[in-house]
Amino acid sequence: MSTEKIDNVCVTAKANVYFDGKCVSHNITLPDGTRKSVGVVLPSSLTFNTGAPEIMECVGGACEYKLAGSPQWLRSEPGQTFSVPGQSSFEIRVEQAYHYICHFG
């Protein structure tokens, strides 16, 4: 089941815009201080670097992803997640808009 709504959050109004607008997200903070970002990746092939560990939750659309060091492309659809270690990277391929929540570890 994918997250449809997150209540009682503080939203950073200014968007994070990456890769010439192919990825746009907003940072949110929950009352307990937990940070997340909510965004969309438009059709493209991109490589993201991570600082902290991340869990990517698909809430709409789909993507294919490949973690650093892995030869295998995997698919993520609504309600599915994938984990990315900190200080790492992942490649992502999107054919239609991929809507996500990034849960920072």
N, C-alpha and C. Protein backbone atom coordinates (compact mmCIF):
# COMPACT_ATOMS: atom_id res chain seq x y z
N MET A 1 0.85 -1.18 0.00
CA MET A 1 0.00 0.00 0.00
C MET A 1 0.89 1.24 0.00
N SER A 2 0.59 2.19 -0.85
CA SER A 2 1.41 3.39 -0.89
C SER A 2 0.79 4.51 -0.07
N THR A 3 1.64 5.39 0.39
CA THR A 3 1.20 6.53 1.18
C THR A 3 0.46 7.51 0.29
N GLU A 4 -0.73 7.91 0.67
CA GLU A 4 -1.50 8.87 -0.12
C GLU A 4 -1.48 10.26 0.48
N LYS A 5 -1.25 10.34 1.79
CA LYS A 5 -1.33 11.62 2.48
C LYS A 5 -0.45 11.57 3.72
N ILE A 6 0.21 12.70 4.02
CA ILE A 6 1.00 12.80 5.23
C ILE A 6 0.48 14.02 5.99
N ASP A 7 -0.05 13.81 7.18
CA ASP A 7 -0.65 14.88 7.97
C ASP A 7 0.37 15.57 8.87
N ASN A 8 0.04 16.80 9.26
CA ASN A 8 0.79 17.56 10.27
C ASN A 8 2.27 17.68 9.96
N VAL A 9 2.60 18.19 8.79
CA VAL A 9 4.00 18.36 8.41
C VAL A 9 4.32 19.82 8.14
N CYS A 10 5.58 20.14 8.24
CA CYS A 10 6.10 21.44 7.83
C CYS A 10 6.70 21.24 6.45
N VAL A 11 6.27 22.04 5.47
CA VAL A 11 6.73 21.91 4.10
C VAL A 11 7.64 23.08 3.75
N THR A 12 8.79 22.79 3.17
CA THR A 12 9.66 23.84 2.66
C THR A 12 9.08 24.28 1.32
N ALA A 13 8.69 25.54 1.21
CA ALA A 13 7.99 26.02 0.03
C ALA A 13 8.86 26.00 -1.22
N LYS A 14 10.13 26.33 -1.08
CA LYS A 14 11.01 26.35 -2.25
C LYS A 14 11.37 24.92 -2.65
N ALA A 15 11.15 24.61 -3.91
CA ALA A 15 11.40 23.26 -4.42
C ALA A 15 12.88 22.99 -4.59
N ASN A 16 13.24 21.73 -4.48
CA ASN A 16 14.56 21.24 -4.88
C ASN A 16 14.43 20.84 -6.34
N VAL A 17 15.19 21.45 -7.21
CA VAL A 17 15.11 21.16 -8.64
C VAL A 17 16.45 20.59 -9.09
N TYR A 18 16.42 19.37 -9.60
CA TYR A 18 17.63 18.67 -10.02
C TYR A 18 17.56 18.31 -11.50
N PHE A 19 18.72 18.13 -12.09
CA PHE A 19 18.82 17.64 -13.46
C PHE A 19 17.96 18.44 -14.43
N ASP A 20 18.15 19.78 -14.38
CA ASP A 20 17.42 20.68 -15.29
C ASP A 20 15.91 20.49 -15.24
N GLY A 21 15.38 20.23 -14.05
CA GLY A 21 13.94 20.10 -13.88
C GLY A 21 13.39 18.71 -14.07
N LYS A 22 14.24 17.73 -14.30
CA LYS A 22 13.75 16.36 -14.48
C LYS A 22 13.36 15.71 -13.16
N CYS A 23 13.81 16.29 -12.05
CA CYS A 23 13.42 15.83 -10.72
C CYS A 23 13.13 17.07 -9.88
N VAL A 24 11.94 17.11 -9.30
CA VAL A 24 11.53 18.23 -8.45
C VAL A 24 10.95 17.65 -7.17
N SER A 25 11.41 18.16 -6.02
CA SER A 25 10.89 17.67 -4.74
C SER A 25 10.75 18.80 -3.75
N HIS A 26 10.02 18.52 -2.68
CA HIS A 26 9.88 19.45 -1.56
C HIS A 26 10.25 18.69 -0.29
N ASN A 27 10.99 19.35 0.59
CA ASN A 27 11.34 18.77 1.89
C ASN A 27 10.17 18.93 2.84
N ILE A 28 9.92 17.89 3.63
CA ILE A 28 8.91 17.96 4.67
C ILE A 28 9.54 17.50 5.98
N THR A 29 9.03 18.04 7.08
CA THR A 29 9.48 17.64 8.41
C THR A 29 8.26 17.27 9.23
N LEU A 30 8.28 16.09 9.83
CA LEU A 30 7.19 15.63 10.68
C LEU A 30 7.34 16.23 12.08
N PRO A 31 6.28 16.23 12.87
CA PRO A 31 6.34 16.80 14.22
C PRO A 31 7.47 16.24 15.08
N ASP A 32 7.86 14.97 14.85
CA ASP A 32 8.94 14.38 15.66
C ASP A 32 10.34 14.71 15.12
N GLY A 33 10.39 15.54 14.05
CA GLY A 33 11.68 15.94 13.48
C GLY A 33 12.14 15.08 12.32
N THR A 34 11.42 14.01 12.02
CA THR A 34 11.77 13.14 10.89
C THR A 34 11.69 13.93 9.59
N ARG A 35 12.72 13.80 8.75
CA ARG A 35 12.76 14.48 7.45
C ARG A 35 12.45 13.51 6.32
N LYS A 36 11.73 14.02 5.34
CA LYS A 36 11.42 13.27 4.13
C LYS A 36 11.41 14.26 2.98
N SER A 37 11.40 13.75 1.75
CA SER A 37 11.12 14.62 0.62
C SER A 37 10.06 13.94 -0.23
N VAL A 38 9.24 14.75 -0.85
CA VAL A 38 8.15 14.27 -1.70
C VAL A 38 8.36 14.90 -3.06
N GLY A 39 8.38 14.07 -4.11
CA GLY A 39 8.69 14.65 -5.41
C GLY A 39 8.27 13.79 -6.58
N VAL A 40 8.76 14.21 -7.74
CA VAL A 40 8.47 13.53 -8.99
C VAL A 40 9.72 13.55 -9.87
N VAL A 41 9.95 12.42 -10.54
CA VAL A 41 10.99 12.32 -11.55
C VAL A 41 10.27 12.20 -12.89
N LEU A 42 10.58 13.09 -13.80
CA LEU A 42 9.98 13.07 -15.13
C LEU A 42 10.77 12.11 -16.03
N PRO A 43 10.21 11.72 -17.17
CA PRO A 43 10.89 10.75 -18.03
C PRO A 43 12.35 11.12 -18.29
N SER A 44 13.25 10.20 -17.91
CA SER A 44 14.68 10.45 -18.02
C SER A 44 15.45 9.24 -17.50
N SER A 45 16.77 9.30 -17.65
CA SER A 45 17.70 8.35 -17.03
C SER A 45 18.68 9.18 -16.22
N LEU A 46 18.71 8.98 -14.91
CA LEU A 46 19.49 9.83 -14.01
C LEU A 46 20.30 8.98 -13.03
N THR A 47 21.32 9.59 -12.43
CA THR A 47 22.09 8.97 -11.35
C THR A 47 22.04 9.88 -10.13
N PHE A 48 21.59 9.34 -9.01
CA PHE A 48 21.52 10.08 -7.76
C PHE A 48 22.59 9.58 -6.80
N ASN A 49 23.21 10.49 -6.08
CA ASN A 49 24.15 10.16 -5.01
C ASN A 49 23.44 10.34 -3.68
N THR A 50 23.78 9.50 -2.71
CA THR A 50 23.16 9.60 -1.39
C THR A 50 24.19 10.00 -0.34
N GLY A 51 23.73 10.76 0.64
CA GLY A 51 24.53 11.04 1.82
C GLY A 51 24.12 10.05 2.89
N ALA A 52 22.90 10.21 3.39
CA ALA A 52 22.33 9.29 4.38
C ALA A 52 21.62 8.15 3.65
N PRO A 53 21.39 7.03 4.33
CA PRO A 53 20.58 5.97 3.73
C PRO A 53 19.19 6.50 3.38
N GLU A 54 18.62 5.96 2.31
CA GLU A 54 17.31 6.40 1.84
C GLU A 54 16.43 5.19 1.54
N ILE A 55 15.14 5.37 1.75
CA ILE A 55 14.15 4.41 1.28
C ILE A 55 13.26 5.18 0.32
N MET A 56 13.21 4.72 -0.91
CA MET A 56 12.39 5.36 -1.94
C MET A 56 11.06 4.60 -2.03
N GLU A 57 9.96 5.32 -1.77
CA GLU A 57 8.62 4.74 -1.83
C GLU A 57 7.91 5.28 -3.07
N CYS A 58 7.47 4.39 -3.92
CA CYS A 58 6.72 4.78 -5.12
C CYS A 58 5.26 5.01 -4.75
N VAL A 59 4.75 6.22 -5.04
CA VAL A 59 3.35 6.52 -4.77
C VAL A 59 2.55 6.74 -6.06
N GLY A 60 3.23 6.72 -7.20
CA GLY A 60 2.55 6.85 -8.48
C GLY A 60 3.53 6.63 -9.61
N GLY A 61 3.05 6.09 -10.72
CA GLY A 61 3.95 5.80 -11.83
C GLY A 61 4.80 4.59 -11.51
N ALA A 62 5.98 4.54 -12.11
CA ALA A 62 6.91 3.43 -11.89
C ALA A 62 8.29 3.86 -12.33
N CYS A 63 9.29 3.09 -11.92
CA CYS A 63 10.65 3.34 -12.37
C CYS A 63 11.40 2.02 -12.41
N GLU A 64 12.54 2.05 -13.08
CA GLU A 64 13.51 0.98 -12.97
C GLU A 64 14.72 1.59 -12.29
N TYR A 65 15.37 0.84 -11.42
CA TYR A 65 16.52 1.37 -10.69
C TYR A 65 17.61 0.31 -10.61
N LYS A 66 18.83 0.78 -10.43
CA LYS A 66 19.98 -0.09 -10.27
C LYS A 66 20.87 0.51 -9.20
N LEU A 67 21.11 -0.22 -8.14
CA LEU A 67 21.96 0.25 -7.05
C LEU A 67 23.42 0.19 -7.46
N ALA A 68 24.24 1.06 -6.89
CA ALA A 68 25.67 1.07 -7.17
C ALA A 68 26.26 -0.32 -6.95
N GLY A 69 27.05 -0.78 -7.89
CA GLY A 69 27.71 -2.08 -7.76
C GLY A 69 26.86 -3.26 -8.19
N SER A 70 25.60 -3.02 -8.52
CA SER A 70 24.72 -4.11 -8.95
C SER A 70 24.58 -4.08 -10.47
N PRO A 71 24.61 -5.24 -11.11
CA PRO A 71 24.42 -5.28 -12.56
C PRO A 71 22.93 -5.32 -12.95
N GLN A 72 22.05 -5.50 -11.95
CA GLN A 72 20.64 -5.79 -12.23
C GLN A 72 19.74 -4.56 -12.09
N TRP A 73 18.91 -4.34 -13.12
CA TRP A 73 17.84 -3.34 -13.06
C TRP A 73 16.62 -3.98 -12.43
N LEU A 74 15.99 -3.28 -11.49
CA LEU A 74 14.77 -3.75 -10.83
C LEU A 74 13.67 -2.72 -11.05
N ARG A 75 12.42 -3.13 -10.87
CA ARG A 75 11.28 -2.26 -11.09
C ARG A 75 10.61 -1.91 -9.77
N SER A 76 10.16 -0.67 -9.64
CA SER A 76 9.41 -0.22 -8.46
C SER A 76 8.12 0.42 -8.93
N GLU A 77 7.01 -0.06 -8.37
CA GLU A 77 5.67 0.41 -8.73
C GLU A 77 4.96 0.90 -7.47
N PRO A 78 3.78 1.53 -7.61
CA PRO A 78 3.07 2.05 -6.43
C PRO A 78 2.94 1.03 -5.32
N GLY A 79 3.28 1.49 -4.11
CA GLY A 79 3.22 0.62 -2.94
C GLY A 79 4.52 -0.11 -2.67
N GLN A 80 5.48 -0.01 -3.59
CA GLN A 80 6.76 -0.69 -3.40
C GLN A 80 7.84 0.30 -2.98
N THR A 81 8.87 -0.21 -2.32
CA THR A 81 9.98 0.61 -1.89
C THR A 81 11.29 -0.06 -2.30
N PHE A 82 12.35 0.75 -2.33
CA PHE A 82 13.69 0.19 -2.43
C PHE A 82 14.62 1.02 -1.56
N SER A 83 15.62 0.35 -1.00
CA SER A 83 16.56 0.98 -0.07
C SER A 83 17.89 1.25 -0.74
N VAL A 84 18.45 2.42 -0.43
CA VAL A 84 19.75 2.82 -0.97
C VAL A 84 20.66 3.12 0.22
N PRO A 85 21.84 2.49 0.28
CA PRO A 85 22.75 2.78 1.39
C PRO A 85 23.23 4.23 1.37
N GLY A 86 23.68 4.71 2.53
CA GLY A 86 24.29 6.03 2.60
C GLY A 86 25.64 6.03 1.89
N GLN A 87 26.07 7.20 1.47
CA GLN A 87 27.34 7.37 0.78
C GLN A 87 27.44 6.42 -0.42
N SER A 88 26.37 6.38 -1.20
CA SER A 88 26.30 5.47 -2.35
C SER A 88 25.61 6.20 -3.50
N SER A 89 25.07 5.45 -4.44
CA SER A 89 24.34 6.04 -5.56
C SER A 89 23.40 5.00 -6.14
N PHE A 90 22.49 5.49 -6.98
CA PHE A 90 21.63 4.60 -7.75
C PHE A 90 21.27 5.27 -9.06
N GLU A 91 21.07 4.43 -10.07
CA GLU A 91 20.60 4.92 -11.36
C GLU A 91 19.10 4.68 -11.41
N ILE A 92 18.40 5.57 -12.11
CA ILE A 92 16.96 5.43 -12.22
C ILE A 92 16.55 5.74 -13.66
N ARG A 93 15.63 4.92 -14.18
CA ARG A 93 15.06 5.13 -15.52
C ARG A 93 13.56 5.27 -15.36
N VAL A 94 13.02 6.33 -15.95
CA VAL A 94 11.60 6.64 -15.82
C VAL A 94 11.03 6.89 -17.21
N GLU A 95 9.93 6.19 -17.54
CA GLU A 95 9.27 6.40 -18.83
C GLU A 95 8.07 7.32 -18.71
N GLN A 96 7.38 7.29 -17.57
CA GLN A 96 6.29 8.22 -17.27
C GLN A 96 6.58 8.75 -15.87
N ALA A 97 5.95 9.83 -15.49
CA ALA A 97 6.26 10.45 -14.20
C ALA A 97 6.25 9.43 -13.06
N TYR A 98 7.32 9.46 -12.26
CA TYR A 98 7.49 8.60 -11.09
C TYR A 98 7.34 9.48 -9.85
N HIS A 99 6.28 9.28 -9.07
CA HIS A 99 6.00 10.08 -7.88
C HIS A 99 6.52 9.29 -6.68
N TYR A 100 7.23 9.97 -5.79
CA TYR A 100 7.88 9.25 -4.71
C TYR A 100 7.89 10.03 -3.40
N ILE A 101 8.12 9.28 -2.33
CA ILE A 101 8.48 9.83 -1.03
C ILE A 101 9.85 9.24 -0.71
N CYS A 102 10.79 10.09 -0.39
CA CYS A 102 12.12 9.65 0.03
C CYS A 102 12.18 9.74 1.55
N HIS A 103 12.33 8.57 2.18
CA HIS A 103 12.43 8.48 3.64
C HIS A 103 13.92 8.41 3.97
N PHE A 104 14.42 9.41 4.69
CA PHE A 104 15.83 9.46 5.03
C PHE A 104 16.10 8.66 6.29
N GLY A 105 17.19 7.88 6.26
CA GLY A 105 17.55 7.04 7.40
C GLY A 105 18.54 7.71 8.19
